[in-house]
Amino acid sequence: MEWLLRAQAGIEVTVGQKFSWDTEVKNDLDGIQKQFVYLDVLCDYKGGDLAPGPGIEKLEWVSTDNLSRYDIVPPSVEVFKKLGRL
């Protein structure tokens, strides 16, 4: 997973605890049916500059204090609830 984050997000992390891996097939915002893969893991940031790779529409650092302001996918909502962040 480390290489994937480096290629797709420009950052390096150490992968820690795995919470859940889920998939879902649904229409995206563009109306086209797509398969979504949700990988919820706890990571330690090691370095790099956050930069969206090919095919990534938006990427940003978010304070956990502001999570309720975002439209978060259901599997991630459950993880944030377990962590006491929502």
Protein backbone atom coordinates (compact mmCIF):
# COMPACT_ATOMS: atom_id res chain seq x y z
CA MET A 1 0.00 0.00 0.00
CA GLU A 2 2.93 2.35 0.62
CA TRP A 3 3.84 2.43 -3.08
CA LEU A 4 0.21 3.14 -4.01
CA LEU A 5 0.04 6.20 -1.77
CA ARG A 6 3.36 7.47 -3.05
CA ALA A 7 2.20 7.13 -6.68
CA GLN A 8 -1.35 8.40 -6.19
CA ALA A 9 -0.94 10.98 -3.41
CA GLY A 10 2.75 11.93 -3.33
CA ILE A 11 3.21 10.94 0.31
CA GLU A 12 4.97 8.14 2.16
CA VAL A 13 3.37 6.42 5.13
CA THR A 14 3.81 3.41 7.35
CA VAL A 15 0.65 1.35 7.29
CA GLY A 16 -0.61 0.40 10.73
CA GLN A 17 -3.96 -1.00 11.74
CA LYS A 18 -6.34 -2.22 9.04
CA PHE A 19 -9.95 -1.33 9.86
CA SER A 20 -11.95 -2.35 6.81
CA TRP A 21 -11.73 -2.95 3.10
CA ASP A 22 -15.03 -2.56 1.28
CA THR A 23 -16.23 -2.23 -2.31
CA GLU A 24 -19.32 -0.71 -3.82
CA VAL A 25 -20.67 -0.38 -7.36
CA LYS A 26 -22.69 2.78 -7.94
CA ASN A 27 -23.10 5.71 -10.26
CA ASP A 28 -20.44 8.35 -9.76
CA LEU A 29 -21.15 12.08 -9.84
CA ASP A 30 -20.73 11.97 -13.63
CA GLY A 31 -23.58 9.43 -13.88
CA ILE A 32 -21.31 6.56 -14.97
CA GLN A 33 -21.45 3.32 -13.00
CA LYS A 34 -18.10 2.58 -11.33
CA GLN A 35 -16.63 0.30 -8.72
CA PHE A 36 -15.33 2.05 -5.62
CA VAL A 37 -12.78 0.48 -3.28
CA TYR A 38 -12.55 1.79 0.29
CA LEU A 39 -9.35 0.96 2.18
CA ASP A 40 -9.60 2.22 5.75
CA VAL A 41 -6.28 1.94 7.57
CA LEU A 42 -4.48 3.91 10.24
CA CYS A 43 -1.15 5.20 8.91
CA ASP A 44 1.82 7.17 10.19
CA TYR A 45 2.90 9.98 7.85
CA LYS A 46 6.59 9.72 6.95
CA GLY A 47 7.02 12.47 4.35
CA GLY A 48 6.28 13.87 0.94
CA ASP A 49 4.06 16.61 -0.43
CA LEU A 50 0.37 15.83 -0.89
CA ALA A 51 -0.37 15.99 -4.63
CA PRO A 52 -3.21 14.29 -6.54
CA GLY A 53 -2.03 11.66 -9.01
CA PRO A 54 -3.73 10.67 -12.28
CA GLY A 55 -7.46 10.16 -11.95
CA ILE A 56 -7.73 11.80 -8.54
CA GLU A 57 -10.18 14.68 -8.59
CA LYS A 58 -9.39 16.23 -5.21
CA LEU A 59 -6.95 15.56 -2.41
CA GLU A 60 -6.48 17.55 0.79
CA TRP A 61 -5.41 17.30 4.42
CA VAL A 62 -8.43 17.52 6.71
CA SER A 63 -8.51 18.19 10.42
CA THR A 64 -10.37 15.44 12.26
CA ASP A 65 -12.23 18.22 14.08
CA ASN A 66 -13.90 19.12 10.75
CA LEU A 67 -14.91 15.65 9.52
CA SER A 68 -18.62 16.28 9.99
CA ARG A 69 -18.45 18.96 7.26
CA TYR A 70 -17.59 16.36 4.61
CA ASP A 71 -19.62 13.79 2.68
CA ILE A 72 -17.84 10.68 3.95
CA VAL A 73 -18.53 7.22 2.51
CA PRO A 74 -20.33 4.85 4.92
CA PRO A 75 -17.39 2.48 5.59
CA SER A 76 -15.20 5.43 6.62
CA VAL A 77 -17.97 6.89 8.80
CA GLU A 78 -17.91 3.66 10.82
CA VAL A 79 -14.13 3.84 11.24
CA PHE A 80 -14.23 7.47 12.35
CA LYS A 81 -16.98 6.61 14.84
CA LYS A 82 -14.84 3.76 16.26
CA LEU A 83 -11.95 6.22 16.63
CA GLY A 84 -14.21 8.74 18.40
CA ARG A 85 -13.80 11.34 15.63
CA LEU A 86 -17.50 11.51 14.63
